[in-house]
Structures are given as structure tokens and as C-alpha cells.
Amino acid sequence: MKNCPHIDIKIGNGNVKGVIDMGSEISLITEDLYAQLLSQGLEMLELKLQSTVLVTALGSRSRRIKKQVYVPFFIGDDCFEHVFLVSGQLIE
């Protein structure tokens, strides 16, 4: 992940480094970040999710994903909203 491009993102009261993965079809946040955002009182719409399992580019499977959330965030002064799957197995 050190060679992947990163971008500074402001979510809730804090800043995080986002990894830009041009080959990804989805966006992910960690369970820890999700819990932290909830504890800050950030309002996020939780969306219904069917049974979902992530598969990496190398074909390995991860745990089942149980949540997806609609998260507001900032890049610089620009505000965006995006759907993220919540995963407990992210390195970053």
C-alpha cells in the first residue's frame, strides 16, 4: 500500500488518508473508523445490503460485509457524499 497514491480526506472531526485504487469497483472504510465516526455523532445513512463477500484481485475471499453507509466527506474545500462498505479486514 505504500506505493499506492493517497489523498487527504476530512470525515467528521478528523482527517484520514484515503488510498486511491483505480482498479477497485467499491470503496471501503474500516470498522474502527466507522465506530469512531458514530461516536463523534456523524450522521451516516446505513443502506440495506444483501449477502456480500469481497474478493481480491488475486481471488482470495474476505469475511462477509454486513454494512454499507452513505458518508459525507471533504477533499480540500469540496464536499462529497459516497457509499462505503464497512470492512474489518483493511490494512489501511
C-alpha atoms as a PDB file:
ATOM      1  CA  MET A   1       0.000   0.000   0.000  1.00  0.00           C
ATOM      2  CA  LYS A   2       2.977   2.337   0.391  1.00  0.00           C
ATOM      3  CA  ASN A   3       3.284   2.688  -3.393  1.00  0.00           C
ATOM      4  CA  CYS A   4      -0.425   3.430  -3.916  1.00  0.00           C
ATOM      5  CA  PRO A   5      -1.432   7.077  -4.300  1.00  0.00           C
ATOM      6  CA  HIS A   6      -3.031   8.633  -1.201  1.00  0.00           C
ATOM      7  CA  ILE A   7      -5.262  11.655  -0.687  1.00  0.00           C
ATOM      8  CA  ASP A   8      -6.130  13.627   2.457  1.00  0.00           C
ATOM      9  CA  ILE A   9      -9.828  13.333   3.326  1.00  0.00           C
ATOM     10  CA  LYS A  10     -11.727  15.039   6.145  1.00  0.00           C
ATOM     11  CA  ILE A  11     -14.515  12.900   7.596  1.00  0.00           C
ATOM     12  CA  GLY A  12     -16.370  14.086  10.676  1.00  0.00           C
ATOM     13  CA  ASN A  13     -13.952  15.794  13.085  1.00  0.00           C
ATOM     14  CA  GLY A  14     -10.782  14.188  11.753  1.00  0.00           C
ATOM     15  CA  ASN A  15      -8.564  13.672   8.765  1.00  0.00           C
ATOM     16  CA  VAL A  16      -7.750  10.317   7.207  1.00  0.00           C
ATOM     17  CA  LYS A  17      -5.529   9.193   4.340  1.00  0.00           C
ATOM     18  CA  GLY A  18      -7.530   7.646   1.528  1.00  0.00           C
ATOM     19  CA  VAL A  19      -5.916   5.104  -0.783  1.00  0.00           C
ATOM     20  CA  ILE A  20      -6.723   5.598  -4.450  1.00  0.00           C
ATOM     21  CA  ASP A  21      -7.196   2.225  -6.142  1.00  0.00           C
ATOM     22  CA  MET A  22      -8.096   2.713  -9.788  1.00  0.00           C
ATOM     23  CA  GLY A  23      -8.905  -0.999 -10.192  1.00  0.00           C
ATOM     24  CA  SER A  24     -11.413  -1.154  -7.357  1.00  0.00           C
ATOM     25  CA  GLU A  25     -15.125  -1.374  -8.043  1.00  0.00           C
ATOM     26  CA  ILE A  26     -16.098  -0.379  -4.490  1.00  0.00           C
ATOM     27  CA  SER A  27     -15.000   1.945  -1.691  1.00  0.00           C
ATOM     28  CA  LEU A  28     -14.218   0.702   1.817  1.00  0.00           C
ATOM     29  CA  ILE A  29     -13.773   2.076   5.321  1.00  0.00           C
ATOM     30  CA  THR A  30     -12.575   0.186   8.370  1.00  0.00           C
ATOM     31  CA  GLU A  31     -14.914  -0.931  11.147  1.00  0.00           C
ATOM     32  CA  ASP A  32     -12.758   1.123  13.554  1.00  0.00           C
ATOM     33  CA  LEU A  33     -13.216   4.315  11.523  1.00  0.00           C
ATOM     34  CA  TYR A  34     -16.955   3.636  11.230  1.00  0.00           C
ATOM     35  CA  ALA A  35     -17.235   3.210  15.024  1.00  0.00           C
ATOM     36  CA  GLN A  36     -15.189   6.371  15.581  1.00  0.00           C
ATOM     37  CA  LEU A  37     -17.448   8.377  13.259  1.00  0.00           C
ATOM     38  CA  LEU A  38     -20.547   7.075  15.042  1.00  0.00           C
ATOM     39  CA  SER A  39     -19.085   8.046  18.430  1.00  0.00           C
ATOM     40  CA  GLN A  40     -18.474  11.583  17.081  1.00  0.00           C
ATOM     41  CA  GLY A  41     -22.158  11.795  16.187  1.00  0.00           C
ATOM     42  CA  LEU A  42     -21.601  11.937  12.426  1.00  0.00           C
ATOM     43  CA  GLU A  43     -24.886  11.229  10.678  1.00  0.00           C
ATOM     44  CA  MET A  44     -24.471   8.449   8.129  1.00  0.00           C
ATOM     45  CA  LEU A  45     -27.298   6.742   6.325  1.00  0.00           C
ATOM     46  CA  GLU A  46     -26.981   2.953   6.642  1.00  0.00           C
ATOM     47  CA  LEU A  47     -28.159   1.289   3.455  1.00  0.00           C
ATOM     48  CA  LYS A  48     -29.589  -2.203   3.071  1.00  0.00           C
ATOM     49  CA  LEU A  49     -27.065  -4.776   1.958  1.00  0.00           C
ATOM     50  CA  GLN A  50     -27.559  -8.234   0.531  1.00  0.00           C
ATOM     51  CA  SER A  51     -25.144 -11.008   1.426  1.00  0.00           C
ATOM     52  CA  THR A  52     -21.802  -9.622   0.200  1.00  0.00           C
ATOM     53  CA  VAL A  53     -18.306 -11.127   0.215  1.00  0.00           C
ATOM     54  CA  LEU A  54     -15.256  -9.260  -1.068  1.00  0.00           C
ATOM     55  CA  VAL A  55     -12.901 -10.960  -3.497  1.00  0.00           C
ATOM     56  CA  THR A  56      -9.418  -9.510  -4.072  1.00  0.00           C
ATOM     57  CA  ALA A  57      -7.690  -9.164  -7.421  1.00  0.00           C
ATOM     58  CA  LEU A  58      -5.815 -12.365  -6.574  1.00  0.00           C
ATOM     59  CA  GLY A  59      -9.056 -14.237  -5.939  1.00  0.00           C
ATOM     60  CA  SER A  60      -8.830 -14.563  -2.158  1.00  0.00           C
ATOM     61  CA  ARG A  61     -12.064 -14.047  -0.220  1.00  0.00           C
ATOM     62  CA  SER A  62     -12.574 -11.990   2.906  1.00  0.00           C
ATOM     63  CA  ARG A  63     -15.232 -12.021   5.582  1.00  0.00           C
ATOM     64  CA  ARG A  64     -18.799 -11.210   4.758  1.00  0.00           C
ATOM     65  CA  ILE A  65     -19.569  -7.475   4.600  1.00  0.00           C
ATOM     66  CA  LYS A  66     -22.573  -6.602   6.745  1.00  0.00           C
ATOM     67  CA  LYS A  67     -22.871  -2.808   6.388  1.00  0.00           C
ATOM     68  CA  GLN A  68     -22.735  -0.126   3.785  1.00  0.00           C
ATOM     69  CA  VAL A  69     -23.052   3.531   4.681  1.00  0.00           C
ATOM     70  CA  TYR A  70     -23.527   6.822   2.861  1.00  0.00           C
ATOM     71  CA  VAL A  71     -20.760   9.081   4.199  1.00  0.00           C
ATOM     72  CA  PRO A  72     -20.238  12.834   3.743  1.00  0.00           C
ATOM     73  CA  PHE A  73     -16.573  13.888   3.456  1.00  0.00           C
ATOM     74  CA  PHE A  74     -14.349  16.721   2.250  1.00  0.00           C
ATOM     75  CA  ILE A  75     -11.404  16.815  -0.101  1.00  0.00           C
ATOM     76  CA  GLY A  76      -9.994  20.283   0.339  1.00  0.00           C
ATOM     77  CA  ASP A  77     -12.975  22.634   0.452  1.00  0.00           C
ATOM     78  CA  ASP A  78     -15.193  20.421  -1.701  1.00  0.00           C
ATOM     79  CA  CYS A  79     -17.883  18.292  -0.038  1.00  0.00           C
ATOM     80  CA  PHE A  80     -18.792  14.860  -1.378  1.00  0.00           C
ATOM     81  CA  GLU A  81     -21.089  12.021  -0.325  1.00  0.00           C
ATOM     82  CA  HIS A  82     -20.317   8.430  -1.213  1.00  0.00           C
ATOM     83  CA  VAL A  83     -21.330   4.856  -0.384  1.00  0.00           C
ATOM     84  CA  PHE A  84     -18.683   2.856   1.509  1.00  0.00           C
ATOM     85  CA  LEU A  85     -18.722  -0.789   2.544  1.00  0.00           C
ATOM     86  CA  VAL A  86     -17.566  -1.300   6.147  1.00  0.00           C
ATOM     87  CA  SER A  87     -14.813  -3.930   6.434  1.00  0.00           C
ATOM     88  CA  GLY A  88     -12.892  -5.308   9.400  1.00  0.00           C
ATOM     89  CA  GLN A  89     -10.010  -6.596   7.307  1.00  0.00           C
ATOM     90  CA  LEU A  90      -8.406  -3.494   5.849  1.00  0.00           C
ATOM     91  CA  ILE A  91      -4.706  -2.833   6.323  1.00  0.00           C
ATOM     92  CA  GLU A  92      -5.137   0.930   5.965  1.00  0.00           C
END
